[in-house]
């Protein structure tokens, strides 16, 4: 599927938000879990989410199709569930846009090993580099819109930024709002 128009992306975001069906009280962790479930529904297969340490790698997430037809979605293990949600929404965007995931049976993907990762994991994630250029940009744009729509639905608390703050700054601030301060308040 090629690039979507702004109107098509907006309609797709509306659909995804409805299908995620997150209550106002849902946490980012709940949203991550539900995103994995939705990926399984859309792919018509079992999807396993794995949060792993991805140090010194050019990516923060990857979706891999196993030989048995199930999928595993690797996501950087971050202390912030908001950050994890952004990564998972990017992987969901690839599915929504019809981009093909890496496959354990893809010999070309298997040959692009990353030397700094353990053997099997490197072989699994190596295929992720098959999504380059336009695919990545399209997935990132759609994921950003989805994240914005999902965070809009959450009530704005006193610690969250005002509406005139740039959207990317707002998303960063919302992600950090859930970390308790180590500085005692007077």
Protein backbone atom coordinates (compact mmCIF):
# COMPACT_ATOMS: atom_id res chain seq x y z
CA UNK A 1 0.00 0.00 0.00
CA UNK A 2 1.45 3.35 -0.97
CA UNK A 3 1.34 6.60 0.98
CA UNK A 4 -1.98 7.68 2.44
CA UNK A 5 -3.55 11.09 2.06
CA UNK A 6 -4.09 13.17 5.18
CA UNK A 7 -7.80 12.33 5.07
CA UNK A 8 -7.10 8.59 4.72
CA UNK A 9 -4.64 8.68 7.64
CA UNK A 10 -7.19 10.52 9.78
CA UNK A 11 -9.88 7.95 8.94
CA UNK A 12 -7.46 5.09 9.64
CA UNK A 13 -6.53 6.65 12.99
CA UNK A 14 -10.23 6.95 13.86
CA UNK A 15 -10.69 3.25 13.07
CA UNK A 16 -7.69 2.17 15.13
CA UNK A 17 -8.69 4.28 18.14
CA UNK A 18 -12.20 2.75 18.01
CA UNK A 19 -10.79 -0.78 17.71
CA UNK A 20 -8.35 -0.26 20.56
CA UNK A 21 -11.37 0.75 22.67
CA UNK A 22 -9.28 2.01 25.57
CA UNK A 23 -11.19 3.34 28.58
CA UNK A 24 -10.20 6.81 29.86
CA UNK A 25 -8.56 5.13 32.86
CA UNK A 26 -6.24 3.00 30.66
CA UNK A 27 -2.54 3.32 31.37
CA UNK A 28 0.17 3.39 28.72
CA UNK A 29 0.95 -0.18 29.76
CA UNK A 30 -2.69 -1.15 29.06
CA UNK A 31 -2.42 0.57 25.68
CA UNK A 32 0.74 -1.43 24.88
CA UNK A 33 -0.99 -4.71 25.72
CA UNK A 34 -4.05 -3.77 23.66
CA UNK A 35 -1.86 -2.69 20.71
CA UNK A 36 -0.30 -6.17 20.67
CA UNK A 37 -3.77 -7.74 20.75
CA UNK A 38 -4.94 -5.54 17.87
CA UNK A 39 -1.88 -6.52 15.84
CA UNK A 40 -2.85 -10.16 16.37
CA UNK A 41 -6.41 -9.45 15.23
CA UNK A 42 -5.23 -7.65 12.11
CA UNK A 43 -2.63 -10.29 11.23
CA UNK A 44 -4.97 -13.16 12.04
CA UNK A 45 -2.23 -14.80 14.08
CA UNK A 46 -0.77 -14.97 17.56
CA UNK A 47 1.44 -11.98 18.39
CA UNK A 48 3.91 -12.05 21.26
CA UNK A 49 5.33 -8.80 22.61
CA UNK A 50 8.92 -8.95 23.89
CA UNK A 51 10.49 -6.01 25.67
CA UNK A 52 14.25 -6.34 25.36
CA UNK A 53 17.37 -4.25 25.84
CA UNK A 54 18.44 -2.87 22.46
CA UNK A 55 21.73 -1.09 23.04
CA UNK A 56 23.77 0.36 20.18
CA UNK A 57 21.25 -0.67 17.53
CA UNK A 58 19.80 1.47 14.74
CA UNK A 59 16.22 0.52 15.68
CA UNK A 60 13.97 0.37 18.72
CA UNK A 61 11.46 -2.20 17.52
CA UNK A 62 10.89 -4.95 15.00
CA UNK A 63 8.13 -7.31 13.94
CA UNK A 64 9.15 -10.80 12.88
CA UNK A 65 7.05 -13.55 11.33
CA UNK A 66 8.05 -16.97 12.61
CA UNK A 67 8.08 -20.04 10.39
CA UNK A 68 4.91 -21.31 12.16
CA UNK A 69 2.98 -18.17 11.12
CA UNK A 70 3.01 -16.50 14.53
CA UNK A 71 4.64 -13.13 15.12
CA UNK A 72 6.93 -11.66 17.72
CA UNK A 73 7.21 -7.92 18.18
CA UNK A 74 10.48 -6.82 19.75
CA UNK A 75 10.34 -3.49 21.55
CA UNK A 76 13.05 -1.60 23.38
CA UNK A 77 12.70 -2.09 27.11
CA UNK A 78 12.30 1.46 28.28
CA UNK A 79 11.35 2.63 31.78
CA UNK A 80 8.64 4.69 30.07
CA UNK A 81 5.54 2.81 28.94
CA UNK A 82 4.71 5.91 26.88
CA UNK A 83 7.96 5.38 24.93
CA UNK A 84 7.17 1.67 24.50
CA UNK A 85 3.71 2.57 23.22
CA UNK A 86 5.23 4.86 20.57
CA UNK A 87 7.45 2.01 19.37
CA UNK A 88 4.56 -0.49 19.31
CA UNK A 89 2.36 1.97 17.41
CA UNK A 90 5.14 2.27 14.83
CA UNK A 91 5.12 -1.52 14.44
CA UNK A 92 1.30 -1.48 14.23
CA UNK A 93 1.56 1.22 11.55
CA UNK A 94 3.71 -1.12 9.43
CA UNK A 95 0.92 -3.72 9.67
CA UNK A 96 -1.79 -1.17 8.84
CA UNK A 97 0.18 0.03 5.81
CA UNK A 98 0.73 -3.51 4.52
CA UNK A 99 4.51 -3.50 4.99
CA UNK A 100 5.97 -6.99 5.17
CA UNK A 101 7.66 -7.97 8.45
CA UNK A 102 10.99 -9.73 8.63
CA UNK A 103 10.70 -13.49 8.34
CA UNK A 104 12.78 -16.22 9.89
CA UNK A 105 12.66 -17.99 6.53
CA UNK A 106 13.94 -14.91 4.64
CA UNK A 107 17.56 -15.83 3.77
CA UNK A 108 18.42 -12.26 2.73
CA UNK A 109 17.13 -10.89 6.04
CA UNK A 110 19.02 -13.58 7.92
CA UNK A 111 22.30 -12.65 6.24
CA UNK A 112 22.24 -9.05 7.55
CA UNK A 113 23.30 -9.92 11.09
CA UNK A 114 24.03 -7.30 13.66
CA UNK A 115 27.34 -8.26 15.28
CA UNK A 116 26.62 -6.72 18.72
CA UNK A 117 23.59 -8.91 19.47
CA UNK A 118 23.32 -12.57 20.54
CA UNK A 119 23.06 -15.06 17.66
CA UNK A 120 19.37 -15.95 17.42
CA UNK A 121 18.16 -12.45 18.30
CA UNK A 122 20.49 -10.94 15.71
CA UNK A 123 19.18 -13.29 13.05
CA UNK A 124 15.59 -12.41 13.96
CA UNK A 125 16.10 -8.66 14.02
CA UNK A 126 18.40 -8.52 11.01
CA UNK A 127 15.45 -8.58 8.64
CA UNK A 128 14.16 -5.33 10.15
CA UNK A 129 16.44 -3.38 7.86
CA UNK A 130 14.20 -4.40 4.95
CA UNK A 131 11.88 -1.53 5.98
CA UNK A 132 13.77 1.52 4.81
CA UNK A 133 13.05 4.90 3.32
CA UNK A 134 9.41 5.52 2.46
CA UNK A 135 8.09 2.59 4.52
CA UNK A 136 9.74 3.90 7.67
CA UNK A 137 8.63 7.47 7.06
CA UNK A 138 5.03 6.40 6.38
CA UNK A 139 4.96 4.19 9.48
CA UNK A 140 6.47 6.94 11.64
CA UNK A 141 3.94 9.54 10.45
CA UNK A 142 1.02 7.20 11.09
CA UNK A 143 2.39 6.14 14.49
CA UNK A 144 2.82 9.80 15.51
CA UNK A 145 -0.79 10.52 14.58
CA UNK A 146 -2.01 7.44 16.46
CA UNK A 147 0.00 8.37 19.54
CA UNK A 148 -1.34 11.91 19.42
CA UNK A 149 -4.93 10.65 19.09
CA UNK A 150 -4.52 8.19 21.96
CA UNK A 151 -2.94 10.76 24.26
CA UNK A 152 -5.62 13.34 23.37
CA UNK A 153 -8.20 10.97 24.81
CA UNK A 154 -6.51 10.97 28.19
CA UNK A 155 -7.68 13.70 30.53
CA UNK A 156 -5.33 16.64 30.85
CA UNK A 157 -4.07 16.83 34.44
CA UNK A 158 -2.45 19.80 36.17
CA UNK A 159 1.07 18.54 35.39
CA UNK A 160 0.46 18.24 31.68
CA UNK A 161 1.39 21.00 29.22
CA UNK A 162 -0.99 23.63 27.90
CA UNK A 163 -2.54 23.29 24.43
CA UNK A 164 -0.24 25.88 22.81
CA UNK A 165 2.86 23.71 23.35
CA UNK A 166 4.17 22.04 20.18
CA UNK A 167 2.75 18.48 19.80
CA UNK A 168 6.14 16.73 19.98
CA UNK A 169 7.07 18.65 23.15
CA UNK A 170 3.67 17.80 24.63
CA UNK A 171 4.17 14.05 23.95
CA UNK A 172 7.61 14.13 25.56
CA UNK A 173 6.27 15.97 28.62
CA UNK A 174 3.37 13.53 28.96
CA UNK A 175 5.78 10.62 28.83
CA UNK A 176 7.93 12.14 31.55
CA UNK A 177 4.98 13.15 33.76
CA UNK A 178 4.74 9.62 35.13
CA UNK A 179 8.26 9.62 36.63
CA UNK A 180 8.22 10.70 40.28
CA UNK A 181 10.59 13.51 41.12
CA UNK A 182 13.62 12.60 43.24
CA UNK A 183 13.73 16.15 44.56
CA UNK A 184 11.54 16.54 47.68
CA UNK A 185 8.88 19.20 47.35
CA UNK A 186 8.77 21.86 50.02
